[in-house]
Amino acid sequence: MSQEENITQSLVSQFGFLEGNIRITRPRRIFLETSLENFPKVFAHAVKELKFNHLCTITGFDELDKLAFMYHLAQESGVLLNLKTSVSKDNPTINTVMPLFPGAEIYERELVDLFGAKVNGLPLGNRYPLTDDWPKDQYPLRKDWKPSQLDEKEGHTHA
């Protein structure tokens, strides 16, 4: 049995609800999707028990009626586990993963600035990557955002 299959089997035996929600796309690449409710325990298990000790990045997706967030974790062996969870676009609230990965702060700030996520537990700090004078409630990586919205609010026009 491959290392990826062992990891997958371990996850499914620990969390039966993951059955059918995990796929190995190629050597060293595992993708799984879980509900926001189950995300914290699956994430913690992957880090603490399966030794996915490196948070590579967090990717945000606008899926029209919801926002999805994929956490890319790596083991020293080179296996990448990509954990995806989704939230309602009307209330895109997630919890920080900073207790396990203090370096997640910069990635979580990107989710706030670019997608409008609310990250519980994220300490107060400067905006990133948008400037401090960027208009409130303007999230440039949402599919329904248009640069013209920025112009209308600020009275700017494109040359």
Protein backbone atom coordinates (compact mmCIF):
# COMPACT_ATOMS: atom_id res chain seq x y z
CA MET A 1 0.00 0.00 0.00
CA SER A 2 1.35 3.46 -0.90
CA GLN A 3 2.03 6.16 1.63
CA GLU A 4 -0.91 8.17 0.20
CA GLU A 5 -3.24 5.17 0.56
CA ASN A 6 -2.08 4.66 4.16
CA ILE A 7 -2.84 8.30 4.97
CA THR A 8 -6.22 8.10 3.26
CA GLN A 9 -7.09 4.88 5.09
CA SER A 10 -6.03 6.42 8.41
CA LEU A 11 -8.24 9.46 7.83
CA VAL A 12 -11.28 7.41 6.82
CA SER A 13 -10.88 5.03 9.77
CA GLN A 14 -10.69 8.00 12.16
CA PHE A 15 -13.41 10.03 10.41
CA GLY A 16 -15.91 7.82 8.60
CA PHE A 17 -17.64 10.86 7.13
CA LEU A 18 -14.59 11.36 4.89
CA GLU A 19 -15.40 8.18 2.95
CA GLY A 20 -15.79 9.25 -0.68
CA ASN A 21 -14.44 12.75 0.05
CA ILE A 22 -10.74 11.95 -0.31
CA ARG A 23 -8.88 11.43 -3.55
CA ILE A 24 -5.31 10.74 -4.44
CA THR A 25 -4.71 12.67 -7.66
CA ARG A 26 -1.12 11.52 -8.21
CA PRO A 27 1.84 10.43 -6.13
CA ARG A 28 2.26 12.67 -3.07
CA ARG A 29 -1.02 14.57 -3.65
CA ILE A 30 -4.13 13.99 -1.54
CA PHE A 31 -7.26 16.16 -1.66
CA LEU A 32 -10.08 16.02 0.83
CA GLU A 33 -13.19 18.05 1.44
CA THR A 34 -15.06 18.32 4.71
CA SER A 35 -17.71 20.49 6.32
CA LEU A 36 -16.74 23.55 8.32
CA GLU A 37 -18.10 21.77 11.40
CA ASN A 38 -15.71 18.81 10.94
CA PHE A 39 -12.77 20.81 9.64
CA PRO A 40 -11.09 21.60 13.01
CA LYS A 41 -10.84 17.97 14.12
CA VAL A 42 -9.69 16.71 10.70
CA PHE A 43 -7.12 19.52 10.46
CA ALA A 44 -5.79 18.92 13.99
CA HIS A 45 -5.56 15.16 13.37
CA ALA A 46 -3.62 15.73 10.13
CA VAL A 47 -1.16 18.00 11.90
CA LYS A 48 -0.76 16.22 15.24
CA GLU A 49 -1.21 12.56 14.34
CA LEU A 50 -0.27 12.34 10.67
CA LYS A 51 2.60 14.84 11.01
CA PHE A 52 1.59 17.32 8.33
CA ASN A 53 3.86 19.86 10.01
CA HIS A 54 4.14 22.50 7.31
CA LEU A 55 1.39 24.86 6.19
CA CYS A 56 2.39 25.72 2.61
CA THR A 57 -0.40 28.24 2.01
CA ILE A 58 -4.17 28.75 2.15
CA THR A 59 -6.07 29.23 -1.10
CA GLY A 60 -9.46 30.93 -1.34
CA PHE A 61 -12.10 30.21 -3.98
CA ASP A 62 -15.31 31.98 -4.88
CA GLU A 63 -17.81 29.26 -5.75
CA LEU A 64 -20.68 31.69 -6.47
CA ASP A 65 -22.98 30.96 -3.49
CA LYS A 66 -20.16 30.05 -1.11
CA LEU A 67 -16.50 30.67 -0.42
CA ALA A 68 -14.12 27.75 -0.11
CA PHE A 69 -10.75 27.63 1.57
CA MET A 70 -8.09 25.03 0.88
CA TYR A 71 -5.31 24.49 3.38
CA HIS A 72 -2.21 22.98 1.78
CA LEU A 73 -0.23 20.92 4.30
CA ALA A 74 3.01 19.01 3.77
CA GLN A 75 4.82 16.19 5.54
CA GLU A 76 8.60 15.90 5.60
CA SER A 77 8.12 12.95 3.24
CA GLY A 78 6.89 15.33 0.54
CA VAL A 79 3.25 14.25 0.63
CA LEU A 80 0.84 17.19 0.30
CA LEU A 81 -2.59 17.08 1.91
CA ASN A 82 -5.04 19.65 0.61
CA LEU A 83 -7.98 20.13 2.99
CA LYS A 84 -10.93 22.06 1.63
CA THR A 85 -13.90 23.47 3.50
CA SER A 86 -16.68 25.85 2.44
CA VAL A 87 -18.74 28.58 4.06
CA SER A 88 -21.78 30.57 3.08
CA LYS A 89 -20.90 33.72 1.17
CA ASP A 90 -23.43 35.57 3.36
CA ASN A 91 -21.46 34.71 6.51
CA PRO A 92 -17.95 33.64 5.50
CA THR A 93 -16.65 32.97 9.00
CA ILE A 94 -13.81 30.57 9.77
CA ASN A 95 -11.51 30.07 12.74
CA THR A 96 -7.83 30.86 12.64
CA VAL A 97 -5.32 28.03 12.46
CA MET A 98 -2.67 30.18 14.14
CA PRO A 99 -2.61 28.05 17.32
CA LEU A 100 -1.09 25.26 15.18
CA PHE A 101 0.66 27.46 12.61
CA PRO A 102 1.51 30.99 13.84
CA GLY A 103 2.73 31.81 10.32
CA ALA A 104 -0.81 31.40 8.99
CA GLU A 105 -1.53 35.01 9.91
CA ILE A 106 -0.41 36.40 6.55
CA TYR A 107 -2.49 33.86 4.60
CA GLU A 108 -5.54 34.54 6.72
CA ARG A 109 -5.17 38.30 6.22
CA GLU A 110 -5.25 37.64 2.47
CA LEU A 111 -8.56 35.77 2.90
CA VAL A 112 -9.97 38.74 4.80
CA ASP A 113 -8.78 41.37 2.32
CA LEU A 114 -9.36 39.55 -0.96
CA PHE A 115 -12.47 37.46 -0.20
CA GLY A 116 -14.14 39.16 2.78
CA ALA A 117 -13.68 36.19 5.11
CA LYS A 118 -14.08 36.76 8.83
CA VAL A 119 -11.35 34.87 10.67
CA ASN A 120 -12.15 34.34 14.35
CA GLY A 121 -9.03 34.59 16.48
CA LEU A 122 -6.98 36.53 13.94
CA PRO A 123 -5.22 39.30 15.91
CA LEU A 124 -5.76 42.91 14.99
CA GLY A 125 -3.18 44.15 12.52
CA ASN A 126 -2.52 45.91 9.26
CA ARG A 127 -4.35 44.99 6.11
CA TYR A 128 -2.65 42.66 3.68
CA PRO A 129 -2.20 42.70 0.74
CA LEU A 130 -4.52 45.64 0.06
CA THR A 131 -3.66 49.17 1.13
CA ASP A 132 -5.13 50.64 4.30
CA ASP A 133 -7.22 53.06 2.22
CA TRP A 134 -8.84 50.30 0.12
CA PRO A 135 -12.63 50.76 0.28
CA LYS A 136 -14.51 48.69 2.82
CA ASP A 137 -16.54 45.73 1.50
CA GLN A 138 -14.64 45.59 -1.80
CA TYR A 139 -13.19 42.09 -2.26
CA PRO A 140 -11.31 41.85 -5.57
CA LEU A 141 -11.10 38.05 -5.77
CA ARG A 142 -14.84 37.53 -5.54
CA LYS A 143 -16.39 36.67 -8.88
CA ASP A 144 -19.05 39.36 -8.58
CA TRP A 145 -16.51 42.15 -7.96
CA LYS A 146 -15.78 44.52 -10.82
CA PRO A 147 -13.10 47.24 -10.86
CA SER A 148 -15.86 49.68 -11.83
CA GLN A 149 -17.33 49.22 -8.32
CA LEU A 150 -14.16 50.74 -6.94
CA ASP A 151 -14.36 53.65 -9.38
CA GLU A 152 -17.99 54.37 -8.50
CA LYS A 153 -17.26 54.49 -4.77
CA GLU A 154 -14.15 56.62 -5.16
CA GLY A 155 -15.24 58.77 -8.11
CA HIS A 156 -12.35 57.47 -10.22
CA THR A 157 -12.38 56.78 -13.92
CA HIS A 158 -10.02 54.67 -16.00
CA ALA A 159 -7.86 56.55 -18.48
